[in-house]
């Protein structure tokens, strides 16, 4: 190292690819500051639910329009990847195996996300904050790690929406198998009823 530095002379040191986070003092994490760092954008829409939930932590209904409209895509947007992909897989499996029930399953899953999505994100934030309290490092470093664990991911949901659109367009242009024609199946069920 010393020989390399002497050889290079007065050249600039190699840049670090690590994000520069000032060390700062180590103070206890403030709950609201930590949760605001985890939630990221749109903190105000979570703040009232979080203030109610602080005293009695449990899943609360929030009835939010964005999560209800986007469903699993919203979960992935909010970095709840596992549950988001489970919901995507459930919708895709239903669309493939039981096309008549696709709308029902999709509406049911979107209703669950719309009703409890924000509470789920707050629970994940509370768990991340507890992990950071047990960890070490300066307060600024802890807040930076909370921002990275939470916040939003825009690119993966955009790719998911583009993929779903591509699949839907290909599904429209694919000839239906005679036994899986949804309209014909409904007519057969209707005619079979007494």
N, C-alpha and C. Protein backbone atom coordinates (compact mmCIF):
# COMPACT_ATOMS: atom_id res chain seq x y z
N UNK A 1 0.81 -1.19 0.00
CA UNK A 1 0.00 0.00 0.00
C UNK A 1 0.86 1.26 0.00
N UNK A 2 1.85 1.28 0.91
CA UNK A 2 2.71 2.46 1.01
C UNK A 2 3.51 2.63 -0.27
N UNK A 3 3.98 1.51 -0.85
CA UNK A 3 4.76 1.58 -2.09
C UNK A 3 3.88 2.07 -3.23
N UNK A 4 2.66 1.61 -3.27
CA UNK A 4 1.73 2.04 -4.31
C UNK A 4 1.45 3.54 -4.18
N UNK A 5 1.26 4.00 -2.95
CA UNK A 5 1.00 5.42 -2.72
C UNK A 5 2.21 6.26 -3.11
N UNK A 6 3.42 5.77 -2.80
CA UNK A 6 4.63 6.51 -3.17
C UNK A 6 4.80 6.54 -4.68
N UNK A 7 4.47 5.43 -5.35
CA UNK A 7 4.58 5.36 -6.81
C UNK A 7 3.62 6.32 -7.48
N UNK A 8 2.42 6.39 -6.96
CA UNK A 8 1.40 7.26 -7.57
C UNK A 8 1.69 8.73 -7.30
N UNK A 9 2.36 8.99 -6.26
CA UNK A 9 2.71 10.38 -5.96
C UNK A 9 1.50 11.16 -5.48
N UNK A 10 1.23 12.24 -6.14
CA UNK A 10 0.15 13.12 -5.68
C UNK A 10 -1.16 12.88 -6.42
N UNK A 11 -1.35 11.69 -6.95
CA UNK A 11 -2.63 11.39 -7.63
C UNK A 11 -3.75 11.32 -6.61
N UNK A 12 -4.96 11.52 -7.11
CA UNK A 12 -6.14 11.46 -6.24
C UNK A 12 -6.37 10.03 -5.79
N UNK A 13 -6.88 9.84 -4.58
CA UNK A 13 -7.20 8.47 -4.14
C UNK A 13 -8.36 7.93 -4.96
N UNK A 14 -8.42 6.60 -5.05
CA UNK A 14 -9.50 5.96 -5.79
C UNK A 14 -10.83 6.27 -5.14
N UNK A 15 -11.86 6.56 -5.95
CA UNK A 15 -13.16 6.89 -5.36
C UNK A 15 -13.80 5.64 -4.76
N UNK A 16 -14.53 5.85 -3.71
CA UNK A 16 -15.25 4.77 -3.06
C UNK A 16 -16.65 4.68 -3.66
N UNK A 17 -17.12 3.48 -3.87
CA UNK A 17 -18.46 3.30 -4.41
C UNK A 17 -19.50 3.17 -3.32
N UNK A 18 -19.10 3.25 -2.09
CA UNK A 18 -20.02 3.20 -0.96
C UNK A 18 -20.67 4.57 -0.81
N UNK A 19 -21.97 4.63 -0.48
CA UNK A 19 -22.58 5.94 -0.25
C UNK A 19 -21.98 6.59 0.99
N UNK A 20 -21.70 7.85 0.87
CA UNK A 20 -21.10 8.57 1.98
C UNK A 20 -22.19 8.95 2.99
N UNK A 21 -22.10 8.37 4.16
CA UNK A 21 -23.04 8.69 5.24
C UNK A 21 -22.21 9.25 6.38
N UNK A 22 -22.47 10.50 6.75
CA UNK A 22 -21.68 11.05 7.83
C UNK A 22 -21.88 10.25 9.11
N UNK A 23 -20.79 10.08 9.84
CA UNK A 23 -20.86 9.27 11.05
C UNK A 23 -21.82 9.88 12.06
N UNK A 24 -21.63 11.12 12.39
CA UNK A 24 -22.54 11.79 13.31
C UNK A 24 -22.58 11.13 14.67
N UNK A 25 -23.29 11.74 15.57
CA UNK A 25 -23.37 11.19 16.93
C UNK A 25 -24.31 9.99 16.98
N UNK A 26 -24.08 9.15 17.96
CA UNK A 26 -24.96 8.02 18.16
C UNK A 26 -25.96 8.39 19.25
N UNK A 27 -27.19 8.54 18.84
CA UNK A 27 -28.26 8.86 19.78
C UNK A 27 -29.36 7.84 19.58
N UNK A 28 -30.24 7.70 20.53
CA UNK A 28 -31.33 6.74 20.35
C UNK A 28 -32.20 7.12 19.16
N UNK A 29 -32.72 6.11 18.48
CA UNK A 29 -33.60 6.37 17.34
C UNK A 29 -34.93 6.92 17.82
N UNK A 30 -35.33 8.02 17.24
CA UNK A 30 -36.66 8.57 17.49
C UNK A 30 -37.65 7.75 16.66
N UNK A 31 -38.74 7.29 17.28
CA UNK A 31 -39.69 6.43 16.58
C UNK A 31 -40.23 7.07 15.31
N UNK A 32 -40.68 8.31 15.42
CA UNK A 32 -41.29 8.94 14.25
C UNK A 32 -40.27 9.21 13.15
N UNK A 33 -39.07 9.65 13.52
CA UNK A 33 -38.04 9.90 12.53
C UNK A 33 -37.63 8.60 11.83
N UNK A 34 -37.54 7.53 12.60
CA UNK A 34 -37.16 6.24 12.03
C UNK A 34 -38.25 5.71 11.10
N UNK A 35 -39.52 5.82 11.51
CA UNK A 35 -40.60 5.35 10.65
C UNK A 35 -40.73 6.21 9.40
N UNK A 36 -40.51 7.49 9.52
CA UNK A 36 -40.54 8.38 8.36
C UNK A 36 -39.44 7.98 7.37
N UNK A 37 -38.28 7.62 7.89
CA UNK A 37 -37.19 7.18 7.01
C UNK A 37 -37.55 5.87 6.32
N UNK A 38 -38.21 4.96 7.03
CA UNK A 38 -38.58 3.67 6.44
C UNK A 38 -39.67 3.84 5.38
N UNK A 39 -40.69 4.62 5.69
CA UNK A 39 -41.82 4.78 4.76
C UNK A 39 -41.38 5.54 3.51
N UNK A 40 -40.61 6.60 3.68
CA UNK A 40 -40.17 7.36 2.53
C UNK A 40 -41.27 8.26 2.00
N UNK A 41 -41.52 8.21 0.69
CA UNK A 41 -42.52 9.09 0.10
C UNK A 41 -43.91 8.83 0.69
N UNK A 42 -44.70 9.87 0.74
CA UNK A 42 -46.09 9.78 1.17
C UNK A 42 -46.23 9.44 2.66
N UNK A 43 -45.33 9.95 3.48
CA UNK A 43 -45.37 9.68 4.92
C UNK A 43 -46.66 10.17 5.53
N UNK A 44 -47.19 11.28 5.08
CA UNK A 44 -48.39 11.86 5.71
C UNK A 44 -49.59 10.92 5.65
N UNK A 45 -49.71 10.15 4.59
CA UNK A 45 -50.86 9.23 4.51
C UNK A 45 -50.72 8.05 5.46
N UNK A 46 -49.51 7.78 5.93
CA UNK A 46 -49.28 6.70 6.88
C UNK A 46 -49.28 7.21 8.32
N UNK A 47 -49.03 8.48 8.52
CA UNK A 47 -48.78 9.02 9.84
C UNK A 47 -49.96 8.83 10.79
N UNK A 48 -51.16 9.10 10.34
CA UNK A 48 -52.33 8.97 11.23
C UNK A 48 -52.54 7.53 11.65
N UNK A 49 -52.42 6.61 10.71
CA UNK A 49 -52.56 5.19 11.04
C UNK A 49 -51.44 4.75 11.98
N UNK A 50 -50.23 5.25 11.77
CA UNK A 50 -49.11 4.89 12.62
C UNK A 50 -49.29 5.45 14.03
N UNK A 51 -49.79 6.67 14.16
CA UNK A 51 -50.03 7.24 15.49
C UNK A 51 -51.07 6.44 16.26
N UNK A 52 -52.10 5.95 15.58
CA UNK A 52 -53.10 5.10 16.25
C UNK A 52 -52.51 3.75 16.61
N UNK A 53 -51.64 3.23 15.75
CA UNK A 53 -51.11 1.89 15.91
C UNK A 53 -49.99 1.81 16.94
N UNK A 54 -49.37 2.93 17.25
CA UNK A 54 -48.25 2.92 18.19
C UNK A 54 -48.66 2.41 19.56
N UNK A 55 -49.84 2.81 20.01
CA UNK A 55 -50.29 2.42 21.34
C UNK A 55 -50.77 0.99 21.39
N UNK A 56 -51.40 0.53 20.33
CA UNK A 56 -51.95 -0.82 20.31
C UNK A 56 -51.58 -1.46 18.98
N UNK A 57 -50.37 -2.04 18.87
CA UNK A 57 -49.92 -2.55 17.57
C UNK A 57 -50.72 -3.77 17.12
N UNK A 58 -51.42 -3.61 16.02
CA UNK A 58 -52.15 -4.71 15.39
C UNK A 58 -52.50 -4.27 13.98
N UNK A 59 -53.02 -5.18 13.19
CA UNK A 59 -53.42 -4.82 11.84
C UNK A 59 -54.69 -4.00 11.91
N UNK A 60 -54.64 -2.85 11.31
CA UNK A 60 -55.81 -1.97 11.26
C UNK A 60 -56.20 -1.76 9.81
N UNK A 61 -57.47 -1.53 9.63
CA UNK A 61 -57.98 -1.25 8.30
C UNK A 61 -57.66 0.18 7.92
N UNK A 62 -57.19 0.36 6.69
CA UNK A 62 -56.87 1.71 6.25
C UNK A 62 -57.67 2.11 5.01
N UNK A 63 -58.19 1.19 4.29
CA UNK A 63 -58.98 1.41 3.07
C UNK A 63 -58.36 2.48 2.17
N UNK A 64 -57.25 2.15 1.54
CA UNK A 64 -56.53 3.06 0.66
C UNK A 64 -56.82 2.72 -0.80
N UNK A 65 -57.03 3.74 -1.60
CA UNK A 65 -57.41 3.54 -2.99
C UNK A 65 -56.24 3.02 -3.85
N UNK A 66 -55.04 3.55 -3.66
CA UNK A 66 -53.89 3.11 -4.46
C UNK A 66 -53.61 1.62 -4.31
N UNK A 67 -53.48 1.13 -3.06
CA UNK A 67 -53.26 -0.31 -2.91
C UNK A 67 -54.41 -1.15 -3.45
N UNK A 68 -55.64 -0.64 -3.32
CA UNK A 68 -56.79 -1.41 -3.80
C UNK A 68 -56.77 -1.52 -5.33
N UNK A 69 -56.38 -0.46 -6.01
CA UNK A 69 -56.37 -0.50 -7.47
C UNK A 69 -55.20 -1.32 -8.02
N UNK A 70 -54.04 -1.23 -7.37
CA UNK A 70 -52.84 -1.88 -7.90
C UNK A 70 -52.59 -3.27 -7.34
N UNK A 71 -53.10 -3.57 -6.15
CA UNK A 71 -52.97 -4.90 -5.58
C UNK A 71 -51.53 -5.33 -5.37
N UNK A 72 -51.17 -6.46 -5.98
CA UNK A 72 -49.83 -7.03 -5.80
C UNK A 72 -48.76 -6.09 -6.33
N UNK A 73 -49.06 -5.32 -7.35
CA UNK A 73 -48.09 -4.37 -7.89
C UNK A 73 -47.74 -3.32 -6.84
N UNK A 74 -48.71 -2.90 -6.05
CA UNK A 74 -48.46 -1.93 -4.98
C UNK A 74 -47.56 -2.55 -3.91
N UNK A 75 -47.78 -3.82 -3.57
CA UNK A 75 -46.93 -4.48 -2.58
C UNK A 75 -45.48 -4.50 -3.05
N UNK A 76 -45.28 -4.79 -4.32
CA UNK A 76 -43.93 -4.82 -4.86
C UNK A 76 -43.35 -3.40 -4.91
N UNK A 77 -44.18 -2.42 -5.23
CA UNK A 77 -43.76 -1.02 -5.21
C UNK A 77 -43.28 -0.61 -3.82
N UNK A 78 -43.93 -1.12 -2.79
CA UNK A 78 -43.57 -0.80 -1.40
C UNK A 78 -42.56 -1.79 -0.82
N UNK A 79 -41.91 -2.58 -1.66
CA UNK A 79 -40.84 -3.52 -1.30
C UNK A 79 -41.30 -4.64 -0.38
N UNK A 80 -42.52 -5.05 -0.48
CA UNK A 80 -43.00 -6.25 0.21
C UNK A 80 -43.03 -7.33 -0.86
N UNK A 81 -41.83 -7.75 -1.27
CA UNK A 81 -41.66 -8.59 -2.44
C UNK A 81 -42.29 -9.97 -2.30
N UNK A 82 -42.06 -10.63 -1.20
CA UNK A 82 -42.54 -12.00 -1.04
C UNK A 82 -44.06 -12.07 -1.17
N UNK A 83 -44.74 -11.26 -0.39
CA UNK A 83 -46.21 -11.28 -0.44
C UNK A 83 -46.72 -10.80 -1.79
N UNK A 84 -46.05 -9.82 -2.38
CA UNK A 84 -46.46 -9.33 -3.70
C UNK A 84 -46.37 -10.41 -4.76
N UNK A 85 -45.27 -11.16 -4.77
CA UNK A 85 -45.13 -12.22 -5.77
C UNK A 85 -46.03 -13.42 -5.47
N UNK A 86 -46.35 -13.65 -4.21
CA UNK A 86 -47.34 -14.69 -3.89
C UNK A 86 -48.70 -14.31 -4.47
N UNK A 87 -49.08 -13.04 -4.32
CA UNK A 87 -50.35 -12.58 -4.88
C UNK A 87 -50.35 -12.63 -6.41
N UNK A 88 -49.22 -12.26 -7.03
CA UNK A 88 -49.12 -12.34 -8.49
C UNK A 88 -49.25 -13.79 -8.94
N UNK A 89 -48.60 -14.70 -8.24
CA UNK A 89 -48.68 -16.12 -8.58
C UNK A 89 -50.10 -16.65 -8.41
N UNK A 90 -50.79 -16.20 -7.35
CA UNK A 90 -52.17 -16.65 -7.14
C UNK A 90 -53.08 -16.17 -8.27
N UNK A 91 -52.92 -14.91 -8.68
CA UNK A 91 -53.74 -14.39 -9.78
C UNK A 91 -53.41 -15.11 -11.10
N UNK A 92 -52.13 -15.34 -11.36
CA UNK A 92 -51.73 -16.00 -12.61
C UNK A 92 -52.20 -17.45 -12.64
N UNK A 93 -52.10 -18.13 -11.51
CA UNK A 93 -52.55 -19.52 -11.46
C UNK A 93 -54.04 -19.62 -11.66
N UNK A 94 -54.78 -18.71 -11.04
CA UNK A 94 -56.23 -18.70 -11.22
C UNK A 94 -56.59 -18.39 -12.66
N UNK A 95 -55.88 -17.43 -13.27
CA UNK A 95 -56.17 -17.07 -14.66
C UNK A 95 -55.91 -18.24 -15.59
N UNK A 96 -54.94 -19.07 -15.27
CA UNK A 96 -54.59 -20.19 -16.13
C UNK A 96 -55.50 -21.40 -15.88
N UNK A 97 -55.75 -21.72 -14.61
CA UNK A 97 -56.49 -22.94 -14.29
C UNK A 97 -58.02 -22.74 -14.24
N UNK A 98 -58.45 -21.60 -13.76
CA UNK A 98 -59.89 -21.35 -13.62
C UNK A 98 -60.20 -19.94 -14.09
N UNK A 99 -60.22 -19.72 -15.40
CA UNK A 99 -60.39 -18.36 -15.92
C UNK A 99 -61.70 -17.69 -15.49
N UNK A 100 -62.71 -18.48 -15.18
CA UNK A 100 -63.98 -17.89 -14.75
C UNK A 100 -63.87 -17.21 -13.39
N UNK A 101 -62.95 -17.65 -12.57
CA UNK A 101 -62.81 -17.11 -11.22
C UNK A 101 -61.70 -16.07 -11.10
N UNK A 102 -61.08 -15.75 -12.21
CA UNK A 102 -59.96 -14.80 -12.17
C UNK A 102 -60.38 -13.45 -11.60
N UNK A 103 -61.49 -12.93 -12.06
CA UNK A 103 -61.96 -11.63 -11.59
C UNK A 103 -62.28 -11.66 -10.10
N UNK A 104 -62.91 -12.72 -9.64
CA UNK A 104 -63.27 -12.84 -8.23
C UNK A 104 -62.02 -12.89 -7.36
N UNK A 105 -61.05 -13.72 -7.74
CA UNK A 105 -59.82 -13.85 -6.96
C UNK A 105 -59.04 -12.53 -6.99
N UNK A 106 -58.97 -11.90 -8.15
CA UNK A 106 -58.24 -10.64 -8.26
C UNK A 106 -58.87 -9.56 -7.39
N UNK A 107 -60.19 -9.45 -7.43
CA UNK A 107 -60.87 -8.45 -6.59
C UNK A 107 -60.70 -8.75 -5.11
N UNK A 108 -60.73 -10.02 -4.75
CA UNK A 108 -60.55 -10.39 -3.35
C UNK A 108 -59.14 -10.03 -2.87
N UNK A 109 -58.12 -10.36 -3.65
CA UNK A 109 -56.75 -10.04 -3.27
C UNK A 109 -56.51 -8.54 -3.22
N UNK A 110 -57.07 -7.82 -4.17
CA UNK A 110 -56.92 -6.36 -4.18
C UNK A 110 -57.65 -5.73 -3.00
N UNK A 111 -58.77 -6.32 -2.61
CA UNK A 111 -59.48 -5.83 -1.43
C UNK A 111 -58.66 -6.02 -0.16
N UNK A 112 -57.99 -7.16 -0.06
CA UNK A 112 -57.13 -7.41 1.11
C UNK A 112 -55.98 -6.41 1.15
N UNK A 113 -55.34 -6.19 0.01
CA UNK A 113 -54.22 -5.24 -0.05
C UNK A 113 -54.73 -3.83 0.24
N UNK A 114 -55.87 -3.47 -0.33
CA UNK A 114 -56.41 -2.14 -0.10
C UNK A 114 -56.80 -1.89 1.35
N UNK A 115 -57.25 -2.93 2.00
CA UNK A 115 -57.70 -2.77 3.39
C UNK A 115 -56.55 -2.83 4.39
N UNK A 116 -55.58 -3.71 4.18
CA UNK A 116 -54.53 -3.92 5.18
C UNK A 116 -53.12 -3.61 4.67
N UNK A 117 -52.96 -3.08 3.46
CA UNK A 117 -51.64 -2.85 2.89
C UNK A 117 -50.79 -1.88 3.69
N UNK A 118 -51.36 -0.75 4.05
CA UNK A 118 -50.59 0.24 4.80
C UNK A 118 -50.20 -0.30 6.17
N UNK A 119 -51.09 -1.02 6.79
CA UNK A 119 -50.77 -1.61 8.09
C UNK A 119 -49.64 -2.62 7.96
N UNK A 120 -49.62 -3.36 6.87
CA UNK A 120 -48.55 -4.33 6.62
C UNK A 120 -47.20 -3.62 6.48
N UNK A 121 -47.18 -2.50 5.77
CA UNK A 121 -45.94 -1.74 5.60
C UNK A 121 -45.49 -1.18 6.94
N UNK A 122 -46.43 -0.70 7.75
CA UNK A 122 -46.06 -0.19 9.07
C UNK A 122 -45.51 -1.28 9.98
N UNK A 123 -46.07 -2.48 9.89
CA UNK A 123 -45.54 -3.61 10.68
C UNK A 123 -44.11 -3.93 10.25
N UNK A 124 -43.88 -3.95 8.95
CA UNK A 124 -42.52 -4.22 8.45
C UNK A 124 -41.57 -3.11 8.92
N UNK A 125 -42.04 -1.88 8.94
CA UNK A 125 -41.22 -0.77 9.43
C UNK A 125 -40.89 -0.91 10.90
N UNK A 126 -41.87 -1.31 11.70
CA UNK A 126 -41.63 -1.50 13.14
C UNK A 126 -40.60 -2.60 13.37
N UNK A 127 -40.66 -3.67 12.59
CA UNK A 127 -39.68 -4.75 12.73
C UNK A 127 -38.28 -4.27 12.32
N UNK A 128 -38.20 -3.50 11.24
CA UNK A 128 -36.90 -2.99 10.80
C UNK A 128 -36.32 -2.02 11.83
N UNK A 129 -37.16 -1.22 12.45
CA UNK A 129 -36.69 -0.28 13.47
C UNK A 129 -36.16 -1.04 14.68
N UNK A 130 -36.85 -2.10 15.07
CA UNK A 130 -36.37 -2.90 16.20
C UNK A 130 -35.02 -3.55 15.89
N UNK A 131 -34.83 -4.03 14.67
CA UNK A 131 -33.53 -4.59 14.29
C UNK A 131 -32.44 -3.53 14.36
N UNK A 132 -32.76 -2.31 13.92
CA UNK A 132 -31.77 -1.23 13.95
C UNK A 132 -31.47 -0.80 15.38
N UNK A 133 -32.42 -0.89 16.27
CA UNK A 133 -32.16 -0.54 17.68
C UNK A 133 -31.18 -1.51 18.31
N UNK A 134 -31.29 -2.77 17.93
CA UNK A 134 -30.37 -3.77 18.47
C UNK A 134 -29.01 -3.72 17.80
N UNK A 135 -28.95 -3.12 16.61
CA UNK A 135 -27.69 -3.04 15.87
C UNK A 135 -26.81 -1.93 16.39
N UNK A 136 -25.72 -1.74 15.68
CA UNK A 136 -24.80 -0.69 16.10
C UNK A 136 -24.62 0.29 14.96
N UNK A 137 -23.90 1.35 15.23
CA UNK A 137 -23.64 2.36 14.22
C UNK A 137 -24.23 3.69 14.63
N UNK A 138 -23.80 4.71 13.93
CA UNK A 138 -24.30 6.06 14.20
C UNK A 138 -25.76 6.15 13.79
N UNK A 139 -26.43 7.13 14.33
CA UNK A 139 -27.86 7.30 14.05
C UNK A 139 -28.10 7.55 12.56
N UNK A 140 -27.26 8.36 11.92
CA UNK A 140 -27.43 8.62 10.49
C UNK A 140 -27.28 7.35 9.66
N UNK A 141 -26.37 6.50 10.07
CA UNK A 141 -26.17 5.22 9.36
C UNK A 141 -27.39 4.32 9.55
N UNK A 142 -27.94 4.30 10.73
CA UNK A 142 -29.15 3.51 10.98
C UNK A 142 -30.32 4.02 10.16
N UNK A 143 -30.48 5.33 10.09
CA UNK A 143 -31.57 5.90 9.28
C UNK A 143 -31.36 5.59 7.80
N UNK A 144 -30.12 5.61 7.35
CA UNK A 144 -29.83 5.26 5.96
C UNK A 144 -30.21 3.81 5.67
N UNK A 145 -29.91 2.91 6.59
CA UNK A 145 -30.28 1.51 6.40
C UNK A 145 -31.80 1.34 6.40
N UNK A 146 -32.50 2.12 7.21
CA UNK A 146 -33.96 2.06 7.21
C UNK A 146 -34.52 2.57 5.87
N UNK A 147 -33.92 3.62 5.32
CA UNK A 147 -34.37 4.12 4.01
C UNK A 147 -34.19 3.06 2.93
N UNK A 148 -33.08 2.33 3.02
CA UNK A 148 -32.82 1.30 2.02
C UNK A 148 -33.75 0.10 2.19
N UNK A 149 -34.09 -0.25 3.43
CA UNK A 149 -34.97 -1.39 3.67
C UNK A 149 -36.41 -1.06 3.30
N UNK A 150 -36.80 0.17 3.46
CA UNK A 150 -38.17 0.58 3.16
C UNK A 150 -38.22 1.40 1.89
N UNK A 151 -39.06 2.40 1.90
CA UNK A 151 -39.19 3.25 0.73
C UNK A 151 -39.95 2.57 -0.38
N UNK A 152 -39.62 2.93 -1.60
CA UNK A 152 -40.33 2.39 -2.75
C UNK A 152 -39.35 1.92 -3.81
N UNK A 153 -39.82 1.02 -4.65
CA UNK A 153 -39.08 0.52 -5.80
C UNK A 153 -39.98 0.73 -7.01
N UNK A 154 -39.59 1.59 -7.89
CA UNK A 154 -40.44 1.92 -9.03
C UNK A 154 -40.22 1.00 -10.22
N UNK A 155 -39.00 0.53 -10.42
CA UNK A 155 -38.68 -0.19 -11.65
C UNK A 155 -39.29 -1.59 -11.71
N UNK A 156 -39.29 -2.31 -10.62
CA UNK A 156 -39.84 -3.66 -10.65
C UNK A 156 -41.36 -3.66 -10.91
N UNK A 157 -42.15 -2.78 -10.29
CA UNK A 157 -43.57 -2.74 -10.64
C UNK A 157 -43.83 -2.34 -12.09
N UNK A 158 -43.01 -1.43 -12.63
CA UNK A 158 -43.18 -1.04 -14.03
C UNK A 158 -42.92 -2.25 -14.93
N UNK A 159 -41.87 -3.01 -14.63
CA UNK A 159 -41.60 -4.23 -15.41
C UNK A 159 -42.73 -5.24 -15.26
N UNK A 160 -43.28 -5.35 -14.05
CA UNK A 160 -44.39 -6.27 -13.82
C UNK A 160 -45.62 -5.87 -14.63
N UNK A 161 -45.94 -4.59 -14.65
CA UNK A 161 -47.09 -4.11 -15.42
C UNK A 161 -46.87 -4.34 -16.91
N UNK A 162 -45.66 -4.08 -17.40
CA UNK A 162 -45.37 -4.33 -18.82
C UNK A 162 -45.48 -5.82 -19.14
N UNK A 163 -44.99 -6.67 -18.24
CA UNK A 163 -45.10 -8.12 -18.45
C UNK A 163 -46.55 -8.59 -18.45
N UNK A 164 -47.35 -8.08 -17.52
CA UNK A 164 -48.77 -8.45 -17.49
C UNK A 164 -49.48 -7.98 -18.75
N UNK A 165 -49.15 -6.79 -19.23
CA UNK A 165 -49.76 -6.27 -20.46
C UNK A 165 -49.38 -7.14 -21.65
N UNK A 166 -48.11 -7.52 -21.72
CA UNK A 166 -47.67 -8.38 -22.81
C UNK A 166 -48.39 -9.72 -22.77
N UNK A 167 -48.52 -10.31 -21.59
CA UNK A 167 -49.24 -11.58 -21.47
C UNK A 167 -50.71 -11.45 -21.86
N UNK A 168 -51.34 -10.34 -21.46
CA UNK A 168 -52.75 -10.13 -21.79
C UNK A 168 -52.94 -9.98 -23.30
N UNK A 169 -52.05 -9.26 -23.95
CA UNK A 169 -52.15 -9.09 -25.40
C UNK A 169 -51.93 -10.42 -26.10
N UNK A 170 -50.96 -11.19 -25.65
CA UNK A 170 -50.73 -12.51 -26.25
C UNK A 170 -51.90 -13.45 -25.99
N UNK A 171 -52.52 -13.33 -24.84
CA UNK A 171 -53.68 -14.17 -24.52
C UNK A 171 -54.84 -13.86 -25.45
N UNK A 172 -55.01 -12.59 -25.81
CA UNK A 172 -56.11 -12.21 -26.70
C UNK A 172 -55.91 -12.78 -28.10
N UNK A 173 -54.67 -12.87 -28.54
CA UNK A 173 -54.39 -13.34 -29.90
C UNK A 173 -54.19 -14.84 -29.99
N UNK A 174 -54.20 -15.52 -28.88
CA UNK A 174 -54.03 -16.97 -28.88
C UNK A 174 -55.40 -17.63 -29.06
N UNK A 175 -55.50 -18.61 -29.92
CA UNK A 175 -56.79 -19.29 -30.06
C UNK A 175 -57.12 -20.07 -28.79
N UNK A 176 -58.37 -19.97 -28.38
CA UNK A 176 -58.81 -20.67 -27.17
C UNK A 176 -59.01 -22.14 -27.44
N UNK A 177 -58.69 -22.93 -26.47
CA UNK A 177 -58.96 -24.36 -26.57
C UNK A 177 -60.47 -24.54 -26.40
N UNK A 178 -61.07 -25.50 -27.08
CA UNK A 178 -62.53 -25.62 -27.03
C UNK A 178 -63.06 -25.82 -25.61
N UNK A 179 -62.37 -26.53 -24.76
CA UNK A 179 -62.89 -26.78 -23.42
C UNK A 179 -62.66 -25.62 -22.47
N UNK A 180 -61.81 -24.66 -22.86
CA UNK A 180 -61.49 -23.55 -21.96
C UNK A 180 -62.06 -22.23 -22.43
N UNK A 181 -63.01 -22.24 -23.34
CA UNK A 181 -63.64 -21.02 -23.79
C UNK A 181 -64.57 -20.52 -22.68
N UNK A 182 -64.25 -19.39 -22.04
CA UNK A 182 -65.05 -18.94 -20.90
C UNK A 182 -66.50 -18.66 -21.24
N UNK A 183 -66.76 -18.03 -22.38
CA UNK A 183 -68.14 -17.72 -22.75
C UNK A 183 -68.92 -19.01 -23.03
N UNK A 184 -68.31 -19.93 -23.76
CA UNK A 184 -68.97 -21.20 -24.05
C UNK A 184 -69.20 -22.01 -22.78
N UNK A 185 -68.26 -21.96 -21.86
CA UNK A 185 -68.40 -22.67 -20.59
C UNK A 185 -69.56 -22.11 -19.78
N UNK A 186 -69.72 -20.79 -19.77
CA UNK A 186 -70.85 -20.18 -19.07
C UNK A 186 -72.19 -20.60 -19.69
N UNK A 187 -72.22 -20.66 -21.01
CA UNK A 187 -73.45 -21.10 -21.69
C UNK A 187 -73.75 -22.54 -21.33
N UNK A 188 -72.73 -23.39 -21.29
CA UNK A 188 -72.94 -24.80 -20.94
C UNK A 188 -73.43 -24.94 -19.51
N UNK A 189 -72.87 -24.14 -18.61
CA UNK A 189 -73.30 -24.20 -17.20
C UNK A 189 -74.75 -23.73 -17.09
N UNK A 190 -75.06 -22.64 -17.78
CA UNK A 190 -76.43 -22.11 -17.76
C UNK A 190 -77.42 -23.13 -18.29
N UNK A 191 -77.09 -23.81 -19.38
CA UNK A 191 -78.00 -24.78 -19.99
C UNK A 191 -78.13 -26.03 -19.14
N UNK A 192 -77.10 -26.33 -18.33
CA UNK A 192 -77.15 -27.52 -17.50
C UNK A 192 -77.96 -27.32 -16.24
N UNK A 193 -78.19 -26.09 -15.86
CA UNK A 193 -78.95 -25.83 -14.62
C UNK A 193 -80.42 -26.13 -14.84
N UNK A 194 -81.09 -26.67 -13.82
CA UNK A 194 -82.52 -27.00 -13.98
C UNK A 194 -83.39 -25.78 -14.06
